[in-house]
N, C-alpha and C. Protein backbone atom coordinates (compact mmCIF):
# COMPACT_ATOMS: atom_id res chain seq x y z
N MET A 1 -32.48 -15.94 -8.41
CA MET A 1 -32.27 -14.61 -7.83
C MET A 1 -32.01 -14.73 -6.33
N GLY A 2 -30.97 -14.04 -5.86
CA GLY A 2 -30.65 -14.08 -4.46
C GLY A 2 -31.18 -12.87 -3.71
N ILE A 3 -30.87 -12.83 -2.42
CA ILE A 3 -31.35 -11.74 -1.57
C ILE A 3 -30.66 -10.43 -1.92
N TYR A 4 -29.40 -10.51 -2.39
CA TYR A 4 -28.66 -9.30 -2.75
C TYR A 4 -29.10 -8.71 -4.09
N ASP A 5 -29.79 -9.51 -4.91
CA ASP A 5 -30.20 -9.05 -6.24
C ASP A 5 -31.48 -8.22 -6.22
N VAL A 6 -32.13 -8.12 -5.06
CA VAL A 6 -33.41 -7.41 -4.94
C VAL A 6 -33.17 -6.12 -4.17
N TYR A 7 -33.94 -5.08 -4.49
CA TYR A 7 -33.82 -3.82 -3.77
C TYR A 7 -34.20 -4.02 -2.29
N PRO A 8 -33.42 -3.47 -1.37
CA PRO A 8 -33.69 -3.69 0.06
C PRO A 8 -35.07 -3.21 0.50
N ASN A 9 -35.52 -2.06 -0.02
CA ASN A 9 -36.83 -1.54 0.39
C ASN A 9 -37.96 -2.48 -0.02
N ASP A 10 -37.87 -3.03 -1.24
CA ASP A 10 -38.89 -3.97 -1.69
C ASP A 10 -38.89 -5.23 -0.84
N LEU A 11 -37.69 -5.70 -0.51
CA LEU A 11 -37.59 -6.91 0.31
C LEU A 11 -38.15 -6.70 1.71
N ILE A 12 -37.86 -5.53 2.30
CA ILE A 12 -38.33 -5.25 3.67
C ILE A 12 -39.85 -5.11 3.71
N GLU A 13 -40.41 -4.41 2.72
CA GLU A 13 -41.87 -4.24 2.70
C GLU A 13 -42.59 -5.58 2.53
N LYS A 14 -42.07 -6.41 1.64
CA LYS A 14 -42.69 -7.73 1.41
C LYS A 14 -42.51 -8.63 2.62
N ALA A 15 -41.34 -8.59 3.25
CA ALA A 15 -41.08 -9.41 4.43
C ALA A 15 -41.94 -8.98 5.60
N ALA A 16 -42.19 -7.67 5.72
CA ALA A 16 -43.05 -7.17 6.81
C ALA A 16 -44.47 -7.72 6.68
N GLU A 17 -44.97 -7.80 5.44
CA GLU A 17 -46.30 -8.37 5.24
C GLU A 17 -46.35 -9.85 5.62
N GLU A 18 -45.26 -10.56 5.33
CA GLU A 18 -45.21 -11.99 5.67
C GLU A 18 -45.02 -12.20 7.17
N LEU A 19 -44.30 -11.29 7.83
CA LEU A 19 -44.09 -11.43 9.28
C LEU A 19 -45.37 -11.17 10.08
N LYS A 20 -46.32 -10.45 9.49
CA LYS A 20 -47.60 -10.25 10.18
C LYS A 20 -48.36 -11.57 10.38
N LYS A 21 -48.07 -12.54 9.53
CA LYS A 21 -48.73 -13.84 9.64
C LYS A 21 -48.11 -14.73 10.73
N VAL A 22 -46.92 -14.35 11.20
CA VAL A 22 -46.23 -15.13 12.25
C VAL A 22 -46.78 -14.71 13.61
N ASP A 23 -47.15 -15.70 14.42
CA ASP A 23 -47.78 -15.40 15.72
C ASP A 23 -46.81 -14.83 16.74
N SER A 24 -45.55 -15.26 16.68
CA SER A 24 -44.59 -14.83 17.69
C SER A 24 -44.12 -13.39 17.50
N ILE A 25 -44.34 -12.81 16.32
CA ILE A 25 -43.90 -11.44 16.06
C ILE A 25 -45.12 -10.53 16.11
N LYS A 26 -45.26 -9.83 17.21
CA LYS A 26 -46.38 -8.91 17.41
C LYS A 26 -45.88 -7.65 18.11
N ALA A 27 -46.47 -6.54 17.76
CA ALA A 27 -46.09 -5.28 18.39
C ALA A 27 -46.67 -5.20 19.79
N PRO A 28 -45.90 -4.80 20.81
CA PRO A 28 -46.45 -4.65 22.16
C PRO A 28 -47.41 -3.46 22.26
N GLU A 29 -48.07 -3.35 23.37
CA GLU A 29 -49.06 -2.28 23.55
C GLU A 29 -48.42 -0.90 23.56
N TRP A 30 -47.22 -0.80 24.11
CA TRP A 30 -46.56 0.50 24.21
C TRP A 30 -45.95 0.96 22.89
N ALA A 31 -46.05 0.15 21.82
CA ALA A 31 -45.45 0.51 20.53
C ALA A 31 -46.15 1.70 19.88
N ARG A 32 -47.39 1.98 20.27
CA ARG A 32 -48.12 3.11 19.66
C ARG A 32 -47.61 4.46 20.16
N PHE A 33 -46.98 4.48 21.33
CA PHE A 33 -46.60 5.76 21.96
C PHE A 33 -45.09 5.99 22.00
N VAL A 34 -44.30 4.96 21.78
CA VAL A 34 -42.86 5.06 21.99
C VAL A 34 -42.16 5.62 20.75
N LYS A 35 -41.02 6.27 20.96
CA LYS A 35 -40.16 6.72 19.87
C LYS A 35 -39.12 5.64 19.58
N THR A 36 -38.59 5.65 18.38
CA THR A 36 -37.58 4.65 18.00
C THR A 36 -36.17 5.05 18.43
N GLY A 37 -36.03 6.22 19.05
CA GLY A 37 -34.73 6.65 19.54
C GLY A 37 -34.81 8.04 20.15
N VAL A 38 -33.76 8.42 20.85
CA VAL A 38 -33.70 9.74 21.50
C VAL A 38 -33.65 10.85 20.46
N HIS A 39 -33.10 10.56 19.29
CA HIS A 39 -32.93 11.58 18.26
C HIS A 39 -34.25 11.91 17.56
N LYS A 40 -35.25 11.07 17.73
CA LYS A 40 -36.55 11.33 17.09
C LYS A 40 -37.40 12.27 17.95
N GLU A 41 -38.22 13.07 17.28
CA GLU A 41 -39.09 14.00 17.99
C GLU A 41 -40.49 13.43 18.22
N ARG A 42 -40.90 12.51 17.35
CA ARG A 42 -42.23 11.93 17.46
C ARG A 42 -42.17 10.42 17.25
N SER A 43 -43.26 9.76 17.60
CA SER A 43 -43.38 8.31 17.36
C SER A 43 -43.67 8.07 15.88
N PRO A 44 -43.44 6.87 15.36
CA PRO A 44 -43.69 6.59 13.93
C PRO A 44 -45.16 6.78 13.55
N ASP A 45 -45.40 7.27 12.35
CA ASP A 45 -46.77 7.49 11.87
C ASP A 45 -47.41 6.19 11.38
N GLU A 46 -46.63 5.27 10.86
CA GLU A 46 -47.18 4.03 10.32
C GLU A 46 -47.60 3.09 11.45
N GLU A 47 -48.71 2.44 11.23
CA GLU A 47 -49.22 1.51 12.26
C GLU A 47 -48.43 0.21 12.30
N ASP A 48 -47.92 -0.23 11.14
CA ASP A 48 -47.20 -1.51 11.07
C ASP A 48 -45.68 -1.30 11.08
N TRP A 49 -45.21 -0.24 11.75
CA TRP A 49 -43.77 0.04 11.77
C TRP A 49 -42.99 -1.04 12.51
N TRP A 50 -43.61 -1.71 13.46
CA TRP A 50 -42.91 -2.75 14.23
C TRP A 50 -42.48 -3.90 13.29
N HIS A 51 -43.40 -4.34 12.42
CA HIS A 51 -43.07 -5.44 11.52
C HIS A 51 -42.04 -5.01 10.47
N LYS A 52 -42.11 -3.75 10.05
CA LYS A 52 -41.10 -3.26 9.10
C LYS A 52 -39.72 -3.19 9.74
N ARG A 53 -39.67 -2.77 11.00
CA ARG A 53 -38.38 -2.74 11.71
C ARG A 53 -37.88 -4.17 11.94
N ALA A 54 -38.77 -5.09 12.21
CA ALA A 54 -38.37 -6.49 12.40
C ALA A 54 -37.81 -7.07 11.09
N ALA A 55 -38.44 -6.75 9.96
CA ALA A 55 -37.94 -7.21 8.67
C ALA A 55 -36.58 -6.60 8.35
N ALA A 56 -36.41 -5.31 8.67
CA ALA A 56 -35.13 -4.65 8.43
C ALA A 56 -34.03 -5.24 9.32
N VAL A 57 -34.36 -5.54 10.56
CA VAL A 57 -33.38 -6.15 11.47
C VAL A 57 -33.00 -7.55 10.98
N LEU A 58 -33.97 -8.30 10.49
CA LEU A 58 -33.69 -9.64 9.97
C LEU A 58 -32.75 -9.58 8.78
N ARG A 59 -32.94 -8.61 7.91
CA ARG A 59 -32.05 -8.47 6.75
C ARG A 59 -30.64 -8.04 7.16
N THR A 60 -30.54 -7.12 8.11
CA THR A 60 -29.21 -6.68 8.56
C THR A 60 -28.47 -7.80 9.27
N VAL A 61 -29.19 -8.63 10.00
CA VAL A 61 -28.55 -9.79 10.65
C VAL A 61 -28.04 -10.76 9.59
N PHE A 62 -28.81 -10.92 8.51
CA PHE A 62 -28.36 -11.79 7.42
C PHE A 62 -27.10 -11.24 6.75
N VAL A 63 -27.04 -9.93 6.55
CA VAL A 63 -25.92 -9.32 5.83
C VAL A 63 -24.70 -9.16 6.74
N MET A 64 -24.90 -8.72 7.97
CA MET A 64 -23.79 -8.35 8.86
C MET A 64 -23.56 -9.32 10.01
N GLY A 65 -24.32 -10.39 10.08
CA GLY A 65 -24.21 -11.31 11.21
C GLY A 65 -22.87 -12.04 11.27
N PRO A 66 -22.40 -12.41 12.47
CA PRO A 66 -23.04 -12.19 13.77
C PRO A 66 -22.95 -10.74 14.23
N ILE A 67 -24.07 -10.24 14.70
CA ILE A 67 -24.18 -8.84 15.12
C ILE A 67 -25.01 -8.76 16.39
N GLY A 68 -24.65 -7.79 17.24
CA GLY A 68 -25.32 -7.65 18.53
C GLY A 68 -26.20 -6.41 18.58
N VAL A 69 -26.73 -6.15 19.76
CA VAL A 69 -27.66 -5.03 19.95
C VAL A 69 -26.95 -3.69 19.80
N SER A 70 -25.71 -3.62 20.26
CA SER A 70 -24.99 -2.34 20.22
C SER A 70 -24.78 -1.84 18.79
N LYS A 71 -24.34 -2.73 17.90
CA LYS A 71 -24.12 -2.33 16.50
C LYS A 71 -25.44 -2.02 15.80
N LEU A 72 -26.48 -2.74 16.15
CA LEU A 72 -27.78 -2.45 15.56
C LEU A 72 -28.31 -1.09 16.04
N ARG A 73 -27.99 -0.73 17.27
CA ARG A 73 -28.40 0.59 17.78
C ARG A 73 -27.73 1.71 16.99
N THR A 74 -26.44 1.54 16.67
CA THR A 74 -25.74 2.55 15.88
C THR A 74 -26.29 2.61 14.45
N LYS A 75 -26.68 1.46 13.90
CA LYS A 75 -27.24 1.45 12.55
C LYS A 75 -28.56 2.21 12.48
N TYR A 76 -29.40 2.05 13.48
CA TYR A 76 -30.72 2.68 13.48
C TYR A 76 -30.75 3.97 14.31
N GLY A 77 -29.58 4.56 14.52
CA GLY A 77 -29.50 5.84 15.21
C GLY A 77 -29.59 7.00 14.24
N GLY A 78 -29.35 8.20 14.75
CA GLY A 78 -29.42 9.40 13.92
C GLY A 78 -28.96 10.63 14.69
N LYS A 79 -29.02 11.78 14.03
CA LYS A 79 -28.59 13.03 14.63
C LYS A 79 -29.73 13.67 15.42
N LYS A 80 -29.40 14.08 16.63
CA LYS A 80 -30.38 14.76 17.49
C LYS A 80 -30.24 16.26 17.34
N ARG A 81 -31.34 16.91 17.07
CA ARG A 81 -31.34 18.37 16.94
C ARG A 81 -31.25 19.00 18.33
N ARG A 82 -30.41 20.07 18.43
CA ARG A 82 -30.20 20.72 19.72
C ARG A 82 -30.38 22.23 19.60
N GLY A 83 -31.32 22.64 18.78
CA GLY A 83 -31.57 24.07 18.64
C GLY A 83 -30.50 24.76 17.82
N HIS A 84 -29.95 25.85 18.36
CA HIS A 84 -28.92 26.59 17.63
C HIS A 84 -27.56 25.91 17.72
N LYS A 85 -27.42 24.93 18.61
CA LYS A 85 -26.17 24.19 18.73
C LYS A 85 -26.08 23.10 17.66
N PRO A 86 -24.88 22.64 17.32
CA PRO A 86 -24.76 21.59 16.29
C PRO A 86 -25.35 20.27 16.75
N ALA A 87 -25.89 19.53 15.79
CA ALA A 87 -26.53 18.24 16.10
C ALA A 87 -25.47 17.19 16.44
N HIS A 88 -25.86 16.27 17.33
CA HIS A 88 -24.99 15.18 17.76
C HIS A 88 -25.65 13.84 17.45
N PHE A 89 -24.82 12.85 17.16
CA PHE A 89 -25.34 11.51 16.86
C PHE A 89 -25.78 10.81 18.15
N ARG A 90 -26.91 10.15 18.06
CA ARG A 90 -27.42 9.36 19.18
C ARG A 90 -27.86 8.00 18.66
N LYS A 91 -27.64 6.98 19.45
CA LYS A 91 -28.02 5.62 19.07
C LYS A 91 -29.54 5.44 19.15
N GLY A 92 -30.01 4.41 18.44
CA GLY A 92 -31.43 4.09 18.46
C GLY A 92 -31.82 3.37 19.74
N SER A 93 -33.09 3.12 19.87
CA SER A 93 -33.62 2.47 21.08
C SER A 93 -33.13 1.03 21.17
N GLY A 94 -32.55 0.67 22.30
CA GLY A 94 -32.08 -0.70 22.50
C GLY A 94 -33.20 -1.64 22.90
N SER A 95 -34.20 -1.13 23.57
CA SER A 95 -35.31 -1.98 24.01
C SER A 95 -36.08 -2.54 22.81
N ILE A 96 -36.33 -1.70 21.81
CA ILE A 96 -37.06 -2.16 20.62
C ILE A 96 -36.28 -3.25 19.90
N ILE A 97 -34.98 -3.05 19.73
CA ILE A 97 -34.16 -4.02 19.01
C ILE A 97 -34.07 -5.33 19.79
N ARG A 98 -33.94 -5.23 21.11
CA ARG A 98 -33.87 -6.45 21.94
C ARG A 98 -35.16 -7.27 21.83
N LYS A 99 -36.31 -6.59 21.92
CA LYS A 99 -37.59 -7.29 21.82
C LYS A 99 -37.77 -7.94 20.45
N ILE A 100 -37.37 -7.23 19.41
CA ILE A 100 -37.50 -7.78 18.06
C ILE A 100 -36.60 -9.00 17.88
N LEU A 101 -35.37 -8.94 18.39
CA LEU A 101 -34.48 -10.09 18.29
C LEU A 101 -35.02 -11.29 19.06
N GLN A 102 -35.61 -11.04 20.22
CA GLN A 102 -36.21 -12.14 20.99
C GLN A 102 -37.38 -12.78 20.24
N GLN A 103 -38.18 -11.96 19.59
CA GLN A 103 -39.30 -12.49 18.81
C GLN A 103 -38.81 -13.27 17.59
N LEU A 104 -37.76 -12.77 16.92
CA LEU A 104 -37.20 -13.50 15.78
C LEU A 104 -36.58 -14.83 16.21
N ASP A 105 -36.00 -14.85 17.42
CA ASP A 105 -35.47 -16.13 17.95
C ASP A 105 -36.60 -17.13 18.18
N LYS A 106 -37.71 -16.66 18.72
CA LYS A 106 -38.86 -17.55 18.96
C LYS A 106 -39.43 -18.08 17.65
N ALA A 107 -39.44 -17.23 16.61
CA ALA A 107 -39.95 -17.66 15.31
C ALA A 107 -38.99 -18.62 14.60
N GLY A 108 -37.74 -18.69 15.07
CA GLY A 108 -36.76 -19.60 14.47
C GLY A 108 -35.99 -19.00 13.31
N PHE A 109 -36.07 -17.70 13.15
CA PHE A 109 -35.36 -17.04 12.05
C PHE A 109 -33.93 -16.65 12.42
N THR A 110 -33.65 -16.43 13.70
CA THR A 110 -32.32 -16.04 14.15
C THR A 110 -31.92 -16.88 15.36
N LYS A 111 -30.62 -16.85 15.66
CA LYS A 111 -30.10 -17.54 16.84
C LYS A 111 -28.78 -16.91 17.23
N PHE A 112 -28.35 -17.15 18.47
CA PHE A 112 -27.08 -16.62 18.97
C PHE A 112 -25.96 -17.56 18.56
N ALA A 113 -24.84 -16.98 18.12
CA ALA A 113 -23.70 -17.78 17.68
C ALA A 113 -22.42 -16.99 17.87
N GLU A 114 -21.30 -17.71 17.82
CA GLU A 114 -19.97 -17.11 17.94
C GLU A 114 -19.13 -17.55 16.75
N LYS A 115 -18.49 -16.57 16.09
CA LYS A 115 -17.58 -16.85 14.98
C LYS A 115 -16.28 -16.13 15.24
N GLY A 116 -15.34 -16.85 15.81
CA GLY A 116 -14.07 -16.24 16.16
C GLY A 116 -14.24 -15.23 17.30
N VAL A 117 -13.86 -14.00 17.02
CA VAL A 117 -13.97 -12.94 18.02
C VAL A 117 -15.40 -12.40 18.10
N HIS A 118 -16.16 -12.51 17.03
CA HIS A 118 -17.48 -11.88 16.96
C HIS A 118 -18.54 -12.77 17.61
N LYS A 119 -19.43 -12.09 18.32
CA LYS A 119 -20.56 -12.76 18.96
C LYS A 119 -21.83 -12.00 18.63
N GLY A 120 -22.91 -12.74 18.49
CA GLY A 120 -24.19 -12.07 18.23
C GLY A 120 -25.16 -12.98 17.51
N ARG A 121 -26.17 -12.35 16.91
CA ARG A 121 -27.20 -13.10 16.22
C ARG A 121 -26.81 -13.38 14.77
N ILE A 122 -27.18 -14.56 14.29
CA ILE A 122 -27.06 -14.92 12.88
C ILE A 122 -28.40 -15.48 12.41
N VAL A 123 -28.56 -15.54 11.11
CA VAL A 123 -29.81 -16.04 10.53
C VAL A 123 -29.72 -17.56 10.40
N THR A 124 -30.77 -18.25 10.76
CA THR A 124 -30.84 -19.70 10.64
C THR A 124 -31.22 -20.10 9.22
N LYS A 125 -31.28 -21.43 8.99
CA LYS A 125 -31.68 -21.92 7.66
C LYS A 125 -33.12 -21.52 7.34
N GLU A 126 -33.97 -21.56 8.36
CA GLU A 126 -35.37 -21.15 8.14
C GLU A 126 -35.46 -19.67 7.77
N GLY A 127 -34.64 -18.84 8.43
CA GLY A 127 -34.63 -17.42 8.10
C GLY A 127 -34.13 -17.15 6.68
N LYS A 128 -33.09 -17.90 6.25
CA LYS A 128 -32.57 -17.73 4.90
C LYS A 128 -33.61 -18.16 3.85
N LEU A 129 -34.28 -19.28 4.11
CA LEU A 129 -35.33 -19.73 3.19
C LEU A 129 -36.48 -18.72 3.13
N PHE A 130 -36.82 -18.14 4.28
CA PHE A 130 -37.88 -17.15 4.34
C PHE A 130 -37.55 -15.94 3.47
N LEU A 131 -36.33 -15.43 3.60
CA LEU A 131 -35.92 -14.27 2.81
C LEU A 131 -35.75 -14.62 1.33
N LYS A 132 -35.26 -15.83 1.05
CA LYS A 132 -35.04 -16.22 -0.34
C LYS A 132 -36.35 -16.38 -1.08
N LYS A 133 -37.36 -16.93 -0.44
CA LYS A 133 -38.68 -17.07 -1.07
C LYS A 133 -39.27 -15.70 -1.42
N ILE A 134 -39.09 -14.75 -0.51
CA ILE A 134 -39.60 -13.40 -0.77
C ILE A 134 -38.84 -12.76 -1.92
N ALA A 135 -37.51 -12.96 -1.96
CA ALA A 135 -36.71 -12.40 -3.04
C ALA A 135 -37.11 -13.01 -4.39
N ASP A 136 -37.38 -14.30 -4.41
CA ASP A 136 -37.81 -14.95 -5.66
C ASP A 136 -39.16 -14.43 -6.13
N SER A 137 -40.07 -14.22 -5.19
CA SER A 137 -41.38 -13.70 -5.57
C SER A 137 -41.29 -12.27 -6.12
N ILE A 138 -40.38 -11.46 -5.57
CA ILE A 138 -40.20 -10.09 -6.06
C ILE A 138 -39.56 -10.09 -7.44
N SER A 139 -38.58 -11.00 -7.66
CA SER A 139 -37.89 -11.05 -8.95
C SER A 139 -38.83 -11.47 -10.08
N LYS A 140 -39.83 -12.30 -9.76
CA LYS A 140 -40.80 -12.71 -10.79
C LYS A 140 -41.69 -11.54 -11.22
N LEU A 141 -41.99 -10.65 -10.27
CA LEU A 141 -42.85 -9.52 -10.59
C LEU A 141 -42.12 -8.43 -11.36
N GLN A 142 -40.80 -8.35 -11.19
CA GLN A 142 -40.03 -7.31 -11.86
C GLN A 142 -39.95 -7.58 -13.36
N PRO A 143 -40.09 -6.55 -14.22
CA PRO A 143 -39.98 -6.76 -15.67
C PRO A 143 -38.55 -7.10 -16.06
N LYS A 144 -38.43 -7.99 -17.02
CA LYS A 144 -37.10 -8.39 -17.48
C LYS A 144 -36.52 -7.32 -18.39
N GLU A 145 -35.25 -7.07 -18.23
CA GLU A 145 -34.58 -6.06 -19.05
C GLU A 145 -34.27 -6.64 -20.43
N GLU A 146 -34.66 -5.90 -21.48
CA GLU A 146 -34.39 -6.33 -22.84
C GLU A 146 -32.95 -6.00 -23.21
N LYS A 147 -32.27 -7.02 -23.73
CA LYS A 147 -30.87 -6.84 -24.13
C LYS A 147 -30.82 -6.27 -25.55
N LEU A 148 -30.29 -5.08 -25.68
CA LEU A 148 -30.16 -4.43 -26.98
C LEU A 148 -28.95 -4.98 -27.72
N PRO A 149 -29.01 -5.03 -29.07
CA PRO A 149 -27.84 -5.53 -29.82
C PRO A 149 -26.65 -4.59 -29.65
N MET A 150 -25.50 -5.20 -29.56
CA MET A 150 -24.27 -4.43 -29.37
C MET A 150 -23.88 -3.73 -30.66
N GLU A 151 -23.62 -2.45 -30.56
CA GLU A 151 -23.19 -1.67 -31.71
C GLU A 151 -21.67 -1.65 -31.78
N GLU A 152 -21.16 -1.85 -33.02
CA GLU A 152 -19.71 -1.83 -33.20
C GLU A 152 -19.19 -0.41 -33.04
N PRO A 153 -18.12 -0.25 -32.32
CA PRO A 153 -17.57 1.11 -32.15
C PRO A 153 -17.01 1.65 -33.47
N GLU A 154 -17.22 2.93 -33.69
CA GLU A 154 -16.73 3.57 -34.90
C GLU A 154 -15.21 3.69 -34.88
N LYS A 155 -14.61 3.40 -36.03
CA LYS A 155 -13.16 3.48 -36.13
C LYS A 155 -12.72 4.94 -36.17
N GLU A 156 -11.79 5.26 -35.34
CA GLU A 156 -11.29 6.63 -35.27
C GLU A 156 -10.27 6.87 -36.38
N VAL A 157 -10.45 7.92 -37.12
CA VAL A 157 -9.52 8.30 -38.19
C VAL A 157 -8.56 9.35 -37.65
N ALA A 158 -7.29 9.13 -37.91
CA ALA A 158 -6.28 10.07 -37.41
C ALA A 158 -6.41 11.40 -38.14
N LYS A 159 -6.51 12.47 -37.36
CA LYS A 159 -6.66 13.81 -37.92
C LYS A 159 -5.29 14.40 -38.23
N VAL A 160 -5.11 14.89 -39.48
CA VAL A 160 -3.85 15.51 -39.91
C VAL A 160 -3.98 17.01 -39.68
N PRO A 161 -2.98 17.66 -39.09
CA PRO A 161 -3.06 19.12 -38.87
C PRO A 161 -3.11 19.88 -40.19
N LYS A 162 -3.64 21.12 -40.12
CA LYS A 162 -3.87 21.93 -41.32
C LYS A 162 -2.56 22.28 -42.02
N LYS A 163 -1.51 22.61 -41.25
CA LYS A 163 -0.24 23.01 -41.85
C LYS A 163 0.33 21.89 -42.72
N GLU A 164 0.31 20.68 -42.20
CA GLU A 164 0.85 19.55 -42.98
C GLU A 164 0.03 19.32 -44.25
N MET A 165 -1.30 19.47 -44.12
CA MET A 165 -2.15 19.28 -45.29
C MET A 165 -1.84 20.33 -46.37
N GLN A 166 -1.62 21.58 -45.96
CA GLN A 166 -1.30 22.64 -46.91
C GLN A 166 0.04 22.39 -47.61
N GLU A 167 1.04 21.93 -46.83
CA GLU A 167 2.35 21.65 -47.42
C GLU A 167 2.26 20.52 -48.43
N VAL A 168 1.49 19.49 -48.09
CA VAL A 168 1.34 18.36 -49.01
C VAL A 168 0.67 18.81 -50.30
N LYS A 169 -0.37 19.65 -50.19
CA LYS A 169 -1.06 20.15 -51.38
C LYS A 169 -0.13 21.00 -52.25
N LYS A 170 0.70 21.86 -51.63
CA LYS A 170 1.64 22.68 -52.38
C LYS A 170 2.64 21.81 -53.15
N GLU A 171 3.15 20.78 -52.50
CA GLU A 171 4.10 19.89 -53.17
C GLU A 171 3.45 19.19 -54.36
N GLU A 172 2.20 18.77 -54.18
CA GLU A 172 1.50 18.10 -55.28
C GLU A 172 1.29 19.04 -56.46
N THR A 173 0.89 20.31 -56.17
CA THR A 173 0.69 21.28 -57.26
C THR A 173 1.99 21.61 -57.98
N LYS A 174 3.09 21.71 -57.26
CA LYS A 174 4.39 21.98 -57.87
C LYS A 174 4.80 20.86 -58.82
N LYS A 175 4.59 19.63 -58.35
CA LYS A 175 4.96 18.48 -59.19
C LYS A 175 4.14 18.47 -60.48
N GLU A 176 2.83 18.77 -60.34
CA GLU A 176 1.98 18.78 -61.53
C GLU A 176 2.41 19.87 -62.51
N GLU A 177 2.73 21.08 -62.01
CA GLU A 177 3.14 22.18 -62.87
C GLU A 177 4.50 21.92 -63.51
N GLU A 178 5.41 21.30 -62.78
CA GLU A 178 6.72 20.96 -63.35
C GLU A 178 6.57 19.96 -64.49
N GLU A 179 5.68 19.00 -64.32
CA GLU A 179 5.46 18.02 -65.38
C GLU A 179 4.90 18.68 -66.64
N LYS A 180 4.01 19.65 -66.47
CA LYS A 180 3.43 20.35 -67.61
C LYS A 180 4.43 21.30 -68.27
N GLY A 181 5.44 21.76 -67.54
CA GLY A 181 6.44 22.65 -68.10
C GLY A 181 6.15 24.10 -67.89
N LYS A 182 5.24 24.45 -67.06
CA LYS A 182 4.90 25.85 -66.82
C LYS A 182 5.96 26.53 -65.99
N ILE A 183 6.48 25.85 -64.95
CA ILE A 183 7.47 26.44 -64.06
C ILE A 183 8.77 25.70 -64.27
N PRO A 184 9.86 26.39 -64.61
CA PRO A 184 11.14 25.70 -64.79
C PRO A 184 11.66 25.20 -63.45
N GLU A 185 12.52 24.21 -63.57
CA GLU A 185 13.09 23.66 -62.34
C GLU A 185 13.99 24.68 -61.68
N GLU A 186 14.03 24.64 -60.38
CA GLU A 186 14.84 25.57 -59.61
C GLU A 186 16.31 25.25 -59.83
N PRO A 187 17.19 26.27 -60.03
CA PRO A 187 18.63 26.02 -60.26
C PRO A 187 19.27 25.41 -59.03
N LYS A 188 20.24 24.59 -59.32
CA LYS A 188 20.93 23.94 -58.21
C LYS A 188 21.85 24.94 -57.50
N GLN A 189 22.33 24.53 -56.33
CA GLN A 189 23.17 25.41 -55.52
C GLN A 189 24.51 25.70 -56.19
N THR A 190 25.06 24.70 -56.92
CA THR A 190 26.37 24.90 -57.57
C THR A 190 26.28 25.96 -58.65
N GLU A 191 25.19 25.92 -59.45
CA GLU A 191 25.02 26.91 -60.52
C GLU A 191 24.85 28.31 -59.92
N ILE A 192 24.12 28.39 -58.81
CA ILE A 192 23.93 29.69 -58.17
C ILE A 192 25.27 30.27 -57.72
N LYS A 193 26.17 29.42 -57.22
CA LYS A 193 27.48 29.89 -56.76
C LYS A 193 28.31 30.41 -57.93
N LYS A 194 28.27 29.68 -59.10
CA LYS A 194 29.04 30.13 -60.27
C LYS A 194 28.55 31.49 -60.74
N ILE A 195 27.25 31.68 -60.79
CA ILE A 195 26.70 32.95 -61.26
C ILE A 195 27.11 34.09 -60.32
N SER A 196 27.13 33.82 -59.04
CA SER A 196 27.52 34.85 -58.06
C SER A 196 29.00 35.20 -58.21
N ASP A 197 29.84 34.19 -58.50
CA ASP A 197 31.29 34.45 -58.68
C ASP A 197 31.54 35.32 -59.92
N VAL A 198 30.81 35.00 -61.02
CA VAL A 198 31.00 35.76 -62.27
C VAL A 198 30.57 37.21 -62.08
N SER A 199 29.47 37.44 -61.42
CA SER A 199 28.98 38.79 -61.19
C SER A 199 29.95 39.59 -60.32
N SER A 200 30.56 38.92 -59.35
CA SER A 200 31.51 39.61 -58.47
C SER A 200 32.78 40.01 -59.23
N GLN A 201 33.27 39.14 -60.19
CA GLN A 201 34.45 39.45 -60.99
C GLN A 201 34.18 40.65 -61.91
N LYS A 202 32.99 40.74 -62.51
CA LYS A 202 32.65 41.84 -63.38
C LYS A 202 32.64 43.14 -62.63
N GLN A 203 32.16 43.14 -61.42
CA GLN A 203 32.13 44.35 -60.60
C GLN A 203 33.57 44.82 -60.30
N ILE A 204 34.49 43.89 -60.08
CA ILE A 204 35.89 44.24 -59.78
C ILE A 204 36.55 44.86 -61.01
N GLU A 205 36.31 44.27 -62.21
CA GLU A 205 36.90 44.79 -63.44
C GLU A 205 36.39 46.19 -63.75
N GLU A 206 35.14 46.45 -63.53
CA GLU A 206 34.57 47.75 -63.80
C GLU A 206 35.22 48.82 -62.91
N LYS A 207 35.54 48.47 -61.67
CA LYS A 207 36.19 49.38 -60.76
C LYS A 207 37.61 49.70 -61.24
């Protein structure tokens, strides 16, 4: 199981618990009073929000790296309420993201790198192993999905319209009655013409 096969929320929560054991990743004293951005009205309610944000930043660096502080600020930003006026987007706190990246660098999970035009932080081998171990532990706890037997699709039967069915039934009944001798065969067109000619001549003679 890879890092992409696990739900992000489960991975972040588990990684935050593991990051608490790392000495270099610690919340500063001002973390209890600070907001995570201008768009927020209050500071976070959770006491361990610093480690959860560090775990989330580590995962985003793994997925989107190389990435810098500016793009991370837009990712963790939000809409600021302005009363009766429409809300505007504001970036998240840059100081929090900078401090977290510095702590992750000290722990050896991230480092600065350049790939072509892009510059920023990427995840190191230690960081990938750290996330992969957590993903493996989560996948073991998840129940395995039972594979149900495949059902064969039902064969579709072509539907015949009612009019055609009625015509076919009439033809079948006519054939059966003709064979029995109940209904005489219909006269041919030539015989009908002869009878019409004879009747017309009789009418002329009578006149």
